């Protein structure tokens, strides 16, 4: 294996189109990794009650994706939607995905199994990929135990595990489904998690879940990508039938091209997923967003204490947009339109 690509959230609930140049770029490698954000429902399984939306995989979408992307695929299933249909949904999703010869999965299972990361071999180097997530209110993934298939939770403390694993490999990558949704910058606490992982041996941290591109920074010379954004994520319905439509901002993402020599060398590619046509294309705007947001994460310019105040202001802007009078009116209007559409059908 010479190089691989890594992307953010991949939701295959509807048929999608990948531009030929994007597919060709991915297919020039020997592997592709993404966070798989939907489930295959087992018969008679119960929907998760504390989630607003249940994301159900489409067989035709999955098979169409695998027809376009011809290289081996690793789907991380350690996220907040893998339990949309309960623990049985985890097992069914794993079974259905790995039935495709070129697909493997990681990130969800029993606790002991999750301590053994995915092993990759790139340019004769052993790479460990450790998929983790969070049980915090802002993610709500379900943690694994000895008797329950769940995710490897960052709240349990990963430092000893990271230190131990780093002794067994040439490079260790943390692939993390964490962070606050829809905010363009990571919380201070998320940055501190990433710093501790690097302090104890991680060579890179790659994040997803916030549904926007967040910045990147280098800590002790090691790269941290806080959120790659939505790689492919169509609009979707809530459990009560309301159609959730992504804003344009949510449709930009970063895909990383990884080559390994004496270190991990990442090349960034910007992408845009048009939710009106469900089409994935290259985008220079996505790269601009990554670089602009990365400037605020330079510790030499903005120490963590000052950054905390900056992040609070960014979060306030997001919350004001969500709960302003205009936003409430718009949501009510959209609900009404959706209800009319359902009646017509």
C-alpha atoms as a PDB file:
ATOM      1  CA  UNK A   1       0.000   0.000   0.000  1.00  0.00           C
ATOM      2  CA  UNK A   2       1.460   3.367  -1.033  1.00  0.00           C
ATOM      3  CA  UNK A   3      -1.168   5.919  -0.039  1.00  0.00           C
ATOM      4  CA  UNK A   4      -4.731   6.153   1.267  1.00  0.00           C
ATOM      5  CA  UNK A   5      -7.480   8.755   1.556  1.00  0.00           C
ATOM      6  CA  UNK A   6      -9.386   9.711   4.705  1.00  0.00           C
ATOM      7  CA  UNK A   7     -12.700  11.585   4.760  1.00  0.00           C
ATOM      8  CA  UNK A   8     -15.325  12.708   7.247  1.00  0.00           C
ATOM      9  CA  UNK A   9     -19.004  11.774   7.541  1.00  0.00           C
ATOM     10  CA  UNK A  10     -20.372   9.420   4.879  1.00  0.00           C
ATOM     11  CA  UNK A  11     -24.162   8.931   4.953  1.00  0.00           C
ATOM     12  CA  UNK A  12     -25.464   6.605   2.246  1.00  0.00           C
ATOM     13  CA  UNK A  13     -29.213   6.941   2.724  1.00  0.00           C
ATOM     14  CA  UNK A  14     -29.892   8.072  -0.876  1.00  0.00           C
ATOM     15  CA  UNK A  15     -28.292   7.446  -4.261  1.00  0.00           C
ATOM     16  CA  UNK A  16     -25.422   9.838  -4.930  1.00  0.00           C
ATOM     17  CA  UNK A  17     -23.096  10.846  -7.778  1.00  0.00           C
ATOM     18  CA  UNK A  18     -19.334  11.284  -7.494  1.00  0.00           C
ATOM     19  CA  UNK A  19     -17.619  13.414 -10.121  1.00  0.00           C
ATOM     20  CA  UNK A  20     -15.226  11.399 -12.260  1.00  0.00           C
ATOM     21  CA  UNK A  21     -12.165  13.406 -11.200  1.00  0.00           C
ATOM     22  CA  UNK A  22     -12.945  12.879  -7.498  1.00  0.00           C
ATOM     23  CA  UNK A  23     -13.444   9.134  -8.007  1.00  0.00           C
ATOM     24  CA  UNK A  24     -10.262   8.927 -10.084  1.00  0.00           C
ATOM     25  CA  UNK A  25      -8.271  10.680  -7.362  1.00  0.00           C
ATOM     26  CA  UNK A  26      -9.485   8.246  -4.686  1.00  0.00           C
ATOM     27  CA  UNK A  27      -8.991   5.267  -6.995  1.00  0.00           C
ATOM     28  CA  UNK A  28      -5.359   6.285  -7.561  1.00  0.00           C
ATOM     29  CA  UNK A  29      -4.724   5.104  -3.990  1.00  0.00           C
ATOM     30  CA  UNK A  30      -4.925   1.735  -2.325  1.00  0.00           C
ATOM     31  CA  UNK A  31      -7.505   2.504   0.313  1.00  0.00           C
ATOM     32  CA  UNK A  32     -10.257   4.817   1.521  1.00  0.00           C
ATOM     33  CA  UNK A  33     -11.458   5.520   5.080  1.00  0.00           C
ATOM     34  CA  UNK A  34     -14.633   7.355   6.132  1.00  0.00           C
ATOM     35  CA  UNK A  35     -16.986   7.611   9.087  1.00  0.00           C
ATOM     36  CA  UNK A  36     -20.066   5.573   8.084  1.00  0.00           C
ATOM     37  CA  UNK A  37     -23.066   7.456   9.445  1.00  0.00           C
ATOM     38  CA  UNK A  38     -26.155   5.267   8.945  1.00  0.00           C
ATOM     39  CA  UNK A  39     -27.352   1.763   9.796  1.00  0.00           C
ATOM     40  CA  UNK A  40     -28.923  -1.293   8.251  1.00  0.00           C
ATOM     41  CA  UNK A  41     -32.042  -2.121  10.295  1.00  0.00           C
ATOM     42  CA  UNK A  42     -32.479  -5.681  11.531  1.00  0.00           C
ATOM     43  CA  UNK A  43     -35.965  -7.176  11.566  1.00  0.00           C
ATOM     44  CA  UNK A  44     -38.132  -6.054  14.508  1.00  0.00           C
ATOM     45  CA  UNK A  45     -35.424  -3.805  15.974  1.00  0.00           C
ATOM     46  CA  UNK A  46     -36.551  -0.782  17.983  1.00  0.00           C
ATOM     47  CA  UNK A  47     -35.596   2.731  16.977  1.00  0.00           C
ATOM     48  CA  UNK A  48     -33.424   4.696  19.369  1.00  0.00           C
ATOM     49  CA  UNK A  49     -35.752   6.876  21.459  1.00  0.00           C
ATOM     50  CA  UNK A  50     -33.385   9.718  22.350  1.00  0.00           C
ATOM     51  CA  UNK A  51     -32.510  10.587  18.741  1.00  0.00           C
ATOM     52  CA  UNK A  52     -34.424  13.011  16.536  1.00  0.00           C
ATOM     53  CA  UNK A  53     -33.466  11.265  13.299  1.00  0.00           C
ATOM     54  CA  UNK A  54     -32.820   7.628  12.406  1.00  0.00           C
ATOM     55  CA  UNK A  55     -30.459   7.246   9.437  1.00  0.00           C
ATOM     56  CA  UNK A  56     -31.177   4.083   7.425  1.00  0.00           C
ATOM     57  CA  UNK A  57     -28.679   2.885   4.830  1.00  0.00           C
ATOM     58  CA  UNK A  58     -29.802   2.439   1.228  1.00  0.00           C
ATOM     59  CA  UNK A  59     -28.540  -0.743  -0.437  1.00  0.00           C
ATOM     60  CA  UNK A  60     -28.510   0.909  -3.857  1.00  0.00           C
ATOM     61  CA  UNK A  61     -26.573   3.907  -2.481  1.00  0.00           C
ATOM     62  CA  UNK A  62     -23.968   1.677  -0.837  1.00  0.00           C
ATOM     63  CA  UNK A  63     -23.538  -0.460  -3.936  1.00  0.00           C
ATOM     64  CA  UNK A  64     -23.360   2.611  -6.169  1.00  0.00           C
ATOM     65  CA  UNK A  65     -20.671   4.109  -3.949  1.00  0.00           C
ATOM     66  CA  UNK A  66     -18.641   0.894  -3.980  1.00  0.00           C
ATOM     67  CA  UNK A  67     -18.968   0.706  -7.762  1.00  0.00           C
ATOM     68  CA  UNK A  68     -17.463   4.193  -8.113  1.00  0.00           C
ATOM     69  CA  UNK A  69     -14.844   3.768  -5.387  1.00  0.00           C
ATOM     70  CA  UNK A  70     -12.956   0.700  -6.498  1.00  0.00           C
ATOM     71  CA  UNK A  71     -10.303   0.535  -3.777  1.00  0.00           C
ATOM     72  CA  UNK A  72     -10.544  -1.184  -0.403  1.00  0.00           C
ATOM     73  CA  UNK A  73     -12.741   0.747   2.023  1.00  0.00           C
ATOM     74  CA  UNK A  74     -12.643   1.016   5.810  1.00  0.00           C
ATOM     75  CA  UNK A  75     -15.844   2.356   7.340  1.00  0.00           C
ATOM     76  CA  UNK A  76     -15.626   3.667  10.882  1.00  0.00           C
ATOM     77  CA  UNK A  77     -18.900   2.854  12.627  1.00  0.00           C
ATOM     78  CA  UNK A  78     -17.954   4.267  16.029  1.00  0.00           C
ATOM     79  CA  UNK A  79     -20.399   7.175  16.030  1.00  0.00           C
ATOM     80  CA  UNK A  80     -23.668   8.484  17.449  1.00  0.00           C
ATOM     81  CA  UNK A  81     -25.864   6.930  14.725  1.00  0.00           C
ATOM     82  CA  UNK A  82     -24.601   3.350  14.846  1.00  0.00           C
ATOM     83  CA  UNK A  83     -27.139   2.628  17.606  1.00  0.00           C
ATOM     84  CA  UNK A  84     -30.088   4.172  15.754  1.00  0.00           C
ATOM     85  CA  UNK A  85     -31.594   0.671  15.670  1.00  0.00           C
ATOM     86  CA  UNK A  86     -30.093  -0.518  18.944  1.00  0.00           C
ATOM     87  CA  UNK A  87     -27.289  -2.987  19.524  1.00  0.00           C
ATOM     88  CA  UNK A  88     -28.802  -5.351  16.978  1.00  0.00           C
ATOM     89  CA  UNK A  89     -28.417  -2.567  14.429  1.00  0.00           C
ATOM     90  CA  UNK A  90     -24.679  -2.476  15.130  1.00  0.00           C
ATOM     91  CA  UNK A  91     -24.396  -6.185  14.408  1.00  0.00           C
ATOM     92  CA  UNK A  92     -26.590  -6.014  11.311  1.00  0.00           C
ATOM     93  CA  UNK A  93     -24.674  -3.046   9.892  1.00  0.00           C
ATOM     94  CA  UNK A  94     -21.339  -4.773  10.435  1.00  0.00           C
ATOM     95  CA  UNK A  95     -22.635  -7.967   8.816  1.00  0.00           C
ATOM     96  CA  UNK A  96     -24.107  -6.189   5.799  1.00  0.00           C
ATOM     97  CA  UNK A  97     -21.081  -3.972   5.152  1.00  0.00           C
ATOM     98  CA  UNK A  98     -18.450  -6.679   5.535  1.00  0.00           C
ATOM     99  CA  UNK A  99     -20.417  -8.901   3.150  1.00  0.00           C
ATOM    100  CA  UNK A 100     -18.798  -6.744   0.466  1.00  0.00           C
ATOM    101  CA  UNK A 101     -15.363  -8.242  -0.102  1.00  0.00           C
ATOM    102  CA  UNK A 102     -13.458  -4.948  -0.156  1.00  0.00           C
ATOM    103  CA  UNK A 103     -15.108  -3.429   2.958  1.00  0.00           C
ATOM    104  CA  UNK A 104     -13.951  -3.675   6.557  1.00  0.00           C
ATOM    105  CA  UNK A 105     -15.265  -1.786   9.588  1.00  0.00           C
ATOM    106  CA  UNK A 106     -13.878  -0.492  12.873  1.00  0.00           C
ATOM    107  CA  UNK A 107     -14.895   1.588  15.864  1.00  0.00           C
ATOM    108  CA  UNK A 108     -17.811  -0.350  17.398  1.00  0.00           C
ATOM    109  CA  UNK A 109     -17.807  -3.598  19.323  1.00  0.00           C
ATOM    110  CA  UNK A 110     -17.245  -4.995  22.795  1.00  0.00           C
ATOM    111  CA  UNK A 111     -14.868  -3.072  25.036  1.00  0.00           C
ATOM    112  CA  UNK A 112     -11.915  -5.465  24.842  1.00  0.00           C
ATOM    113  CA  UNK A 113     -12.072  -5.678  21.041  1.00  0.00           C
ATOM    114  CA  UNK A 114     -12.037  -1.884  20.697  1.00  0.00           C
ATOM    115  CA  UNK A 115      -8.662  -1.709  22.436  1.00  0.00           C
ATOM    116  CA  UNK A 116      -7.203  -3.399  19.350  1.00  0.00           C
ATOM    117  CA  UNK A 117      -7.011  -0.783  16.578  1.00  0.00           C
ATOM    118  CA  UNK A 118      -7.246  -1.269  12.850  1.00  0.00           C
ATOM    119  CA  UNK A 119      -3.819  -2.055  11.394  1.00  0.00           C
ATOM    120  CA  UNK A 120      -2.746  -0.563   8.067  1.00  0.00           C
ATOM    121  CA  UNK A 121       0.497  -1.152   6.195  1.00  0.00           C
ATOM    122  CA  UNK A 122       1.632   1.802   4.100  1.00  0.00           C
ATOM    123  CA  UNK A 123       5.057   1.842   2.469  1.00  0.00           C
ATOM    124  CA  UNK A 124       6.236  -0.942   4.788  1.00  0.00           C
ATOM    125  CA  UNK A 125       5.199   1.018   7.884  1.00  0.00           C
ATOM    126  CA  UNK A 126       2.738  -0.298  10.447  1.00  0.00           C
ATOM    127  CA  UNK A 127      -0.032   2.272  11.044  1.00  0.00           C
ATOM    128  CA  UNK A 128      -2.604   1.896  13.812  1.00  0.00           C
ATOM    129  CA  UNK A 129      -5.978   3.632  13.357  1.00  0.00           C
ATOM    130  CA  UNK A 130      -7.808   3.974  16.673  1.00  0.00           C
ATOM    131  CA  UNK A 131     -11.469   4.940  16.177  1.00  0.00           C
ATOM    132  CA  UNK A 132     -13.030   6.706  19.176  1.00  0.00           C
ATOM    133  CA  UNK A 133     -16.126   8.737  20.017  1.00  0.00           C
ATOM    134  CA  UNK A 134     -17.821  10.527  22.905  1.00  0.00           C
ATOM    135  CA  UNK A 135     -20.754   9.853  25.210  1.00  0.00           C
ATOM    136  CA  UNK A 136     -21.059  13.574  26.041  1.00  0.00           C
ATOM    137  CA  UNK A 137     -24.317  15.469  25.441  1.00  0.00           C
ATOM    138  CA  UNK A 138     -22.946  16.986  22.230  1.00  0.00           C
ATOM    139  CA  UNK A 139     -22.365  13.586  20.590  1.00  0.00           C
ATOM    140  CA  UNK A 140     -24.342  10.953  22.544  1.00  0.00           C
ATOM    141  CA  UNK A 141     -22.559   7.851  21.269  1.00  0.00           C
ATOM    142  CA  UNK A 142     -23.136   4.744  23.394  1.00  0.00           C
ATOM    143  CA  UNK A 143     -20.018   3.393  25.141  1.00  0.00           C
ATOM    144  CA  UNK A 144     -18.993  -0.242  24.929  1.00  0.00           C
ATOM    145  CA  UNK A 145     -18.785  -2.633  27.841  1.00  0.00           C
ATOM    146  CA  UNK A 146     -17.905  -6.312  28.204  1.00  0.00           C
ATOM    147  CA  UNK A 147     -21.538  -7.180  27.411  1.00  0.00           C
ATOM    148  CA  UNK A 148     -22.622  -4.337  25.115  1.00  0.00           C
ATOM    149  CA  UNK A 149     -21.354  -3.444  21.632  1.00  0.00           C
ATOM    150  CA  UNK A 150     -20.643   0.279  21.620  1.00  0.00           C
ATOM    151  CA  UNK A 151     -17.923   2.834  20.973  1.00  0.00           C
ATOM    152  CA  UNK A 152     -14.554   3.483  22.607  1.00  0.00           C
ATOM    153  CA  UNK A 153     -15.340   6.537  24.724  1.00  0.00           C
ATOM    154  CA  UNK A 154     -12.878   9.402  25.115  1.00  0.00           C
ATOM    155  CA  UNK A 155     -14.401  10.113  28.521  1.00  0.00           C
ATOM    156  CA  UNK A 156     -12.934   6.894  29.942  1.00  0.00           C
ATOM    157  CA  UNK A 157      -9.403   8.214  29.430  1.00  0.00           C
ATOM    158  CA  UNK A 158      -7.389   6.919  26.484  1.00  0.00           C
ATOM    159  CA  UNK A 159      -3.916   8.063  27.459  1.00  0.00           C
ATOM    160  CA  UNK A 160      -2.650   4.718  28.820  1.00  0.00           C
ATOM    161  CA  UNK A 161      -4.058   2.849  25.815  1.00  0.00           C
ATOM    162  CA  UNK A 162      -2.500   5.335  23.375  1.00  0.00           C
ATOM    163  CA  UNK A 163       0.866   5.053  25.100  1.00  0.00           C
ATOM    164  CA  UNK A 164       0.740   1.265  25.011  1.00  0.00           C
ATOM    165  CA  UNK A 165      -0.350   1.015  21.368  1.00  0.00           C
ATOM    166  CA  UNK A 166       2.327   3.433  20.221  1.00  0.00           C
ATOM    167  CA  UNK A 167       4.962   0.945  21.357  1.00  0.00           C
ATOM    168  CA  UNK A 168       3.597  -1.613  18.863  1.00  0.00           C
ATOM    169  CA  UNK A 169       3.470   0.428  15.657  1.00  0.00           C
ATOM    170  CA  UNK A 170       5.368   2.961  13.567  1.00  0.00           C
ATOM    171  CA  UNK A 171       2.572   5.550  13.625  1.00  0.00           C
ATOM    172  CA  UNK A 172      -0.714   5.934  15.507  1.00  0.00           C
ATOM    173  CA  UNK A 173      -3.699   7.926  14.190  1.00  0.00           C
ATOM    174  CA  UNK A 174      -6.703   8.795  16.363  1.00  0.00           C
ATOM    175  CA  UNK A 175      -9.873   8.864  14.225  1.00  0.00           C
ATOM    176  CA  UNK A 176     -12.370  10.672  16.446  1.00  0.00           C
ATOM    177  CA  UNK A 177     -16.128  11.251  16.167  1.00  0.00           C
ATOM    178  CA  UNK A 178     -16.293  14.156  18.607  1.00  0.00           C
ATOM    179  CA  UNK A 179     -17.027  17.865  18.973  1.00  0.00           C
ATOM    180  CA  UNK A 180     -19.835  20.413  18.970  1.00  0.00           C
ATOM    181  CA  UNK A 181     -22.047  20.338  15.890  1.00  0.00           C
ATOM    182  CA  UNK A 182     -22.340  23.325  13.522  1.00  0.00           C
ATOM    183  CA  UNK A 183     -19.687  25.483  15.217  1.00  0.00           C
ATOM    184  CA  UNK A 184     -16.699  26.347  13.006  1.00  0.00           C
ATOM    185  CA  UNK A 185     -14.086  25.972  15.750  1.00  0.00           C
ATOM    186  CA  UNK A 186     -13.387  23.211  18.323  1.00  0.00           C
ATOM    187  CA  UNK A 187     -14.154  23.648  22.006  1.00  0.00           C
ATOM    188  CA  UNK A 188     -11.127  24.186  24.250  1.00  0.00           C
ATOM    189  CA  UNK A 189     -11.812  20.838  25.944  1.00  0.00           C
ATOM    190  CA  UNK A 190     -11.633  19.025  22.594  1.00  0.00           C
ATOM    191  CA  UNK A 191      -8.289  20.650  21.864  1.00  0.00           C
ATOM    192  CA  UNK A 192      -7.005  19.512  25.254  1.00  0.00           C
ATOM    193  CA  UNK A 193      -8.116  15.928  24.566  1.00  0.00           C
ATOM    194  CA  UNK A 194      -6.125  16.004  21.319  1.00  0.00           C
ATOM    195  CA  UNK A 195      -3.065  17.459  23.072  1.00  0.00           C
ATOM    196  CA  UNK A 196      -3.099  14.670  25.679  1.00  0.00           C
ATOM    197  CA  UNK A 197      -3.332  11.994  22.988  1.00  0.00           C
ATOM    198  CA  UNK A 198      -0.335  13.466  21.185  1.00  0.00           C
ATOM    199  CA  UNK A 199       1.571  13.860  24.455  1.00  0.00           C
ATOM    200  CA  UNK A 200       1.084  10.135  25.092  1.00  0.00           C
ATOM    201  CA  UNK A 201       2.051   8.933  21.612  1.00  0.00           C
ATOM    202  CA  UNK A 202      -0.469   9.758  18.866  1.00  0.00           C
ATOM    203  CA  UNK A 203       1.054  10.984  15.596  1.00  0.00           C
ATOM    204  CA  UNK A 204      -2.127  12.586  14.219  1.00  0.00           C
ATOM    205  CA  UNK A 205      -5.721  13.285  15.272  1.00  0.00           C
ATOM    206  CA  UNK A 206      -8.443  13.352  12.628  1.00  0.00           C
ATOM    207  CA  UNK A 207     -11.931  14.430  13.694  1.00  0.00           C
ATOM    208  CA  UNK A 208     -15.477  14.354  12.333  1.00  0.00           C
ATOM    209  CA  UNK A 209     -19.060  14.859  13.624  1.00  0.00           C
ATOM    210  CA  UNK A 210     -19.537  18.677  13.754  1.00  0.00           C
ATOM    211  CA  UNK A 211     -20.943  18.749  10.153  1.00  0.00           C
ATOM    212  CA  UNK A 212     -18.691  21.700   9.301  1.00  0.00           C
ATOM    213  CA  UNK A 213     -15.012  22.108   8.536  1.00  0.00           C
ATOM    214  CA  UNK A 214     -13.135  23.152  11.648  1.00  0.00           C
ATOM    215  CA  UNK A 215      -9.525  24.292  11.647  1.00  0.00           C
ATOM    216  CA  UNK A 216      -6.325  22.302  11.877  1.00  0.00           C
ATOM    217  CA  UNK A 217      -3.273  22.944  14.016  1.00  0.00           C
ATOM    218  CA  UNK A 218       0.106  21.397  14.743  1.00  0.00           C
ATOM    219  CA  UNK A 219       0.825  20.491  18.334  1.00  0.00           C
ATOM    220  CA  UNK A 220       4.405  19.404  19.087  1.00  0.00           C
ATOM    221  CA  UNK A 221       4.806  19.018  15.338  1.00  0.00           C
ATOM    222  CA  UNK A 222       1.832  16.635  14.985  1.00  0.00           C
ATOM    223  CA  UNK A 223      -1.283  17.502  12.905  1.00  0.00           C
ATOM    224  CA  UNK A 224      -4.756  17.800  14.386  1.00  0.00           C
ATOM    225  CA  UNK A 225      -7.747  18.107  12.041  1.00  0.00           C
ATOM    226  CA  UNK A 226     -10.668  18.871  14.323  1.00  0.00           C
ATOM    227  CA  UNK A 227     -13.442  18.202  11.807  1.00  0.00           C
ATOM    228  CA  UNK A 228     -13.245  17.184   8.153  1.00  0.00           C
ATOM    229  CA  UNK A 229     -16.945  17.986   7.665  1.00  0.00           C
ATOM    230  CA  UNK A 230     -19.681  16.172   5.719  1.00  0.00           C
ATOM    231  CA  UNK A 231     -18.034  14.136   2.964  1.00  0.00           C
ATOM    232  CA  UNK A 232     -21.339  12.840   1.582  1.00  0.00           C
ATOM    233  CA  UNK A 233     -24.493  13.565   3.579  1.00  0.00           C
ATOM    234  CA  UNK A 234     -27.869  14.005   1.816  1.00  0.00           C
ATOM    235  CA  UNK A 235     -30.775  15.865   3.380  1.00  0.00           C
ATOM    236  CA  UNK A 236     -32.778  13.573   5.668  1.00  0.00           C
ATOM    237  CA  UNK A 237     -36.068  13.176   7.546  1.00  0.00           C
ATOM    238  CA  UNK A 238     -36.686  13.261  11.282  1.00  0.00           C
ATOM    239  CA  UNK A 239     -38.699  10.525  12.950  1.00  0.00           C
ATOM    240  CA  UNK A 240     -41.858  12.638  12.599  1.00  0.00           C
ATOM    241  CA  UNK A 241     -41.274  13.155   8.884  1.00  0.00           C
ATOM    242  CA  UNK A 242     -39.843  16.684   8.877  1.00  0.00           C
ATOM    243  CA  UNK A 243     -37.293  17.173   6.099  1.00  0.00           C
ATOM    244  CA  UNK A 244     -33.948  18.478   7.390  1.00  0.00           C
ATOM    245  CA  UNK A 245     -32.085  20.403   4.711  1.00  0.00           C
ATOM    246  CA  UNK A 246     -28.414  21.147   5.150  1.00  0.00           C
ATOM    247  CA  UNK A 247     -27.174  24.695   4.744  1.00  0.00           C
ATOM    248  CA  UNK A 248     -24.497  25.296   2.123  1.00  0.00           C
ATOM    249  CA  UNK A 249     -21.929  25.670   4.913  1.00  0.00           C
ATOM    250  CA  UNK A 250     -22.550  22.056   5.961  1.00  0.00           C
ATOM    251  CA  UNK A 251     -21.777  20.657   2.522  1.00  0.00           C
ATOM    252  CA  UNK A 252     -18.071  21.540   2.375  1.00  0.00           C
ATOM    253  CA  UNK A 253     -15.488  19.004   3.499  1.00  0.00           C
ATOM    254  CA  UNK A 254     -11.814  18.110   3.502  1.00  0.00           C
ATOM    255  CA  UNK A 255     -10.421  14.815   2.224  1.00  0.00           C
ATOM    256  CA  UNK A 256      -6.901  13.895   3.291  1.00  0.00           C
ATOM    257  CA  UNK A 257      -4.399  12.099   1.084  1.00  0.00           C
ATOM    258  CA  UNK A 258      -1.943  10.248   3.316  1.00  0.00           C
ATOM    259  CA  UNK A 259       1.511   9.151   2.232  1.00  0.00           C
ATOM    260  CA  UNK A 260       3.975   7.641   4.690  1.00  0.00           C
ATOM    261  CA  UNK A 261       7.749   7.965   4.574  1.00  0.00           C
ATOM    262  CA  UNK A 262       9.694   8.928   7.672  1.00  0.00           C
ATOM    263  CA  UNK A 263       6.508  10.576   8.912  1.00  0.00           C
ATOM    264  CA  UNK A 264       2.831  11.044   8.076  1.00  0.00           C
ATOM    265  CA  UNK A 265       2.440  13.383   5.103  1.00  0.00           C
ATOM    266  CA  UNK A 266      -1.058  14.765   4.531  1.00  0.00           C
ATOM    267  CA  UNK A 267      -2.252  16.533   1.390  1.00  0.00           C
ATOM    268  CA  UNK A 268      -5.605  18.317   1.709  1.00  0.00           C
ATOM    269  CA  UNK A 269      -8.336  18.233  -0.941  1.00  0.00           C
ATOM    270  CA  UNK A 270     -11.451  20.414  -0.719  1.00  0.00           C
ATOM    271  CA  UNK A 271     -14.865  18.977  -1.613  1.00  0.00           C
ATOM    272  CA  UNK A 272     -18.472  20.114  -1.937  1.00  0.00           C
ATOM    273  CA  UNK A 273     -21.542  17.857  -1.804  1.00  0.00           C
ATOM    274  CA  UNK A 274     -24.497  19.502  -3.555  1.00  0.00           C
ATOM    275  CA  UNK A 275     -27.562  18.256  -1.669  1.00  0.00           C
ATOM    276  CA  UNK A 276     -29.913  19.388  -4.446  1.00  0.00           C
ATOM    277  CA  UNK A 277     -28.354  16.952  -6.916  1.00  0.00           C
ATOM    278  CA  UNK A 278     -26.568  14.672  -4.385  1.00  0.00           C
ATOM    279  CA  UNK A 279     -23.325  15.223  -6.295  1.00  0.00           C
ATOM    280  CA  UNK A 280     -19.768  15.322  -4.906  1.00  0.00           C
ATOM    281  CA  UNK A 281     -17.202  17.645  -6.545  1.00  0.00           C
ATOM    282  CA  UNK A 282     -13.847  19.232  -5.793  1.00  0.00           C
ATOM    283  CA  UNK A 283     -13.991  22.689  -4.153  1.00  0.00           C
ATOM    284  CA  UNK A 284     -11.314  25.320  -3.552  1.00  0.00           C
ATOM    285  CA  UNK A 285     -13.740  27.118  -1.215  1.00  0.00           C
ATOM    286  CA  UNK A 286     -13.515  24.195   1.196  1.00  0.00           C
ATOM    287  CA  UNK A 287      -9.753  24.623   1.392  1.00  0.00           C
ATOM    288  CA  UNK A 288     -10.159  28.360   2.011  1.00  0.00           C
ATOM    289  CA  UNK A 289     -12.436  27.588   4.957  1.00  0.00           C
ATOM    290  CA  UNK A 290      -9.914  25.159   6.436  1.00  0.00           C
ATOM    291  CA  UNK A 291      -7.002  27.603   6.129  1.00  0.00           C
ATOM    292  CA  UNK A 292      -8.957  30.610   7.441  1.00  0.00           C
ATOM    293  CA  UNK A 293     -10.227  28.718  10.492  1.00  0.00           C
ATOM    294  CA  UNK A 294      -6.801  27.289  11.176  1.00  0.00           C
ATOM    295  CA  UNK A 295      -5.350  30.752  11.725  1.00  0.00           C
ATOM    296  CA  UNK A 296      -7.319  31.147  14.960  1.00  0.00           C
ATOM    297  CA  UNK A 297      -5.831  27.901  16.339  1.00  0.00           C
ATOM    298  CA  UNK A 298      -2.216  29.093  16.364  1.00  0.00           C
ATOM    299  CA  UNK A 299      -1.232  28.962  20.039  1.00  0.00           C
ATOM    300  CA  UNK A 300       1.514  31.528  19.486  1.00  0.00           C
ATOM    301  CA  UNK A 301      -1.095  34.038  18.336  1.00  0.00           C
ATOM    302  CA  UNK A 302      -4.093  32.981  20.446  1.00  0.00           C
ATOM    303  CA  UNK A 303      -3.308  31.240  23.766  1.00  0.00           C
ATOM    304  CA  UNK A 304      -5.989  28.858  25.041  1.00  0.00           C
ATOM    305  CA  UNK A 305      -7.319  31.332  27.611  1.00  0.00           C
ATOM    306  CA  UNK A 306      -7.974  33.960  24.931  1.00  0.00           C
ATOM    307  CA  UNK A 307      -9.243  31.298  22.540  1.00  0.00           C
ATOM    308  CA  UNK A 308     -11.908  30.239  25.052  1.00  0.00           C
ATOM    309  CA  UNK A 309     -13.459  33.723  24.898  1.00  0.00           C
ATOM    310  CA  UNK A 310     -13.272  33.680  21.093  1.00  0.00           C
ATOM    311  CA  UNK A 311     -15.015  30.281  20.964  1.00  0.00           C
ATOM    312  CA  UNK A 312     -17.790  31.483  23.287  1.00  0.00           C
ATOM    313  CA  UNK A 313     -18.526  34.347  20.900  1.00  0.00           C
ATOM    314  CA  UNK A 314     -18.630  31.954  17.935  1.00  0.00           C
ATOM    315  CA  UNK A 315     -20.982  29.658  19.824  1.00  0.00           C
ATOM    316  CA  UNK A 316     -23.191  32.593  20.796  1.00  0.00           C
ATOM    317  CA  UNK A 317     -23.472  33.606  17.129  1.00  0.00           C
ATOM    318  CA  UNK A 318     -24.559  30.069  16.246  1.00  0.00           C
ATOM    319  CA  UNK A 319     -27.107  29.926  19.081  1.00  0.00           C
ATOM    320  CA  UNK A 320     -28.482  33.371  18.210  1.00  0.00           C
ATOM    321  CA  UNK A 321     -29.003  32.191  14.651  1.00  0.00           C
ATOM    322  CA  UNK A 322     -30.766  29.047  15.842  1.00  0.00           C
ATOM    323  CA  UNK A 323     -33.100  30.663  18.361  1.00  0.00           C
ATOM    324  CA  UNK A 324     -33.773  34.110  16.932  1.00  0.00           C
ATOM    325  CA  UNK A 325     -37.366  35.077  16.195  1.00  0.00           C
ATOM    326  CA  UNK A 326     -36.718  34.807  12.449  1.00  0.00           C
ATOM    327  CA  UNK A 327     -35.290  31.323  12.832  1.00  0.00           C
ATOM    328  CA  UNK A 328     -38.318  30.164  14.851  1.00  0.00           C
ATOM    329  CA  UNK A 329     -40.716  31.530  12.214  1.00  0.00           C
ATOM    330  CA  UNK A 330     -38.749  29.806   9.456  1.00  0.00           C
ATOM    331  CA  UNK A 331     -38.833  26.461  11.289  1.00  0.00           C
ATOM    332  CA  UNK A 332     -42.585  26.710  11.857  1.00  0.00           C
ATOM    333  CA  UNK A 333     -43.138  27.598   8.209  1.00  0.00           C
ATOM    334  CA  UNK A 334     -41.014  24.656   7.040  1.00  0.00           C
ATOM    335  CA  UNK A 335     -42.920  22.315   9.365  1.00  0.00           C
ATOM    336  CA  UNK A 336     -46.183  23.537   7.902  1.00  0.00           C
ATOM    337  CA  UNK A 337     -44.967  23.030   4.320  1.00  0.00           C
ATOM    338  CA  UNK A 338     -43.784  19.501   5.131  1.00  0.00           C
ATOM    339  CA  UNK A 339     -47.115  18.632   6.740  1.00  0.00           C
ATOM    340  CA  UNK A 340     -48.958  19.880   3.637  1.00  0.00           C
ATOM    341  CA  UNK A 341     -46.697  17.775   1.411  1.00  0.00           C
ATOM    342  CA  UNK A 342     -47.415  14.669   3.504  1.00  0.00           C
ATOM    343  CA  UNK A 343     -51.165  15.247   3.258  1.00  0.00           C
ATOM    344  CA  UNK A 344     -50.950  15.646  -0.516  1.00  0.00           C
ATOM    345  CA  UNK A 345     -49.064  12.350  -0.799  1.00  0.00           C
END
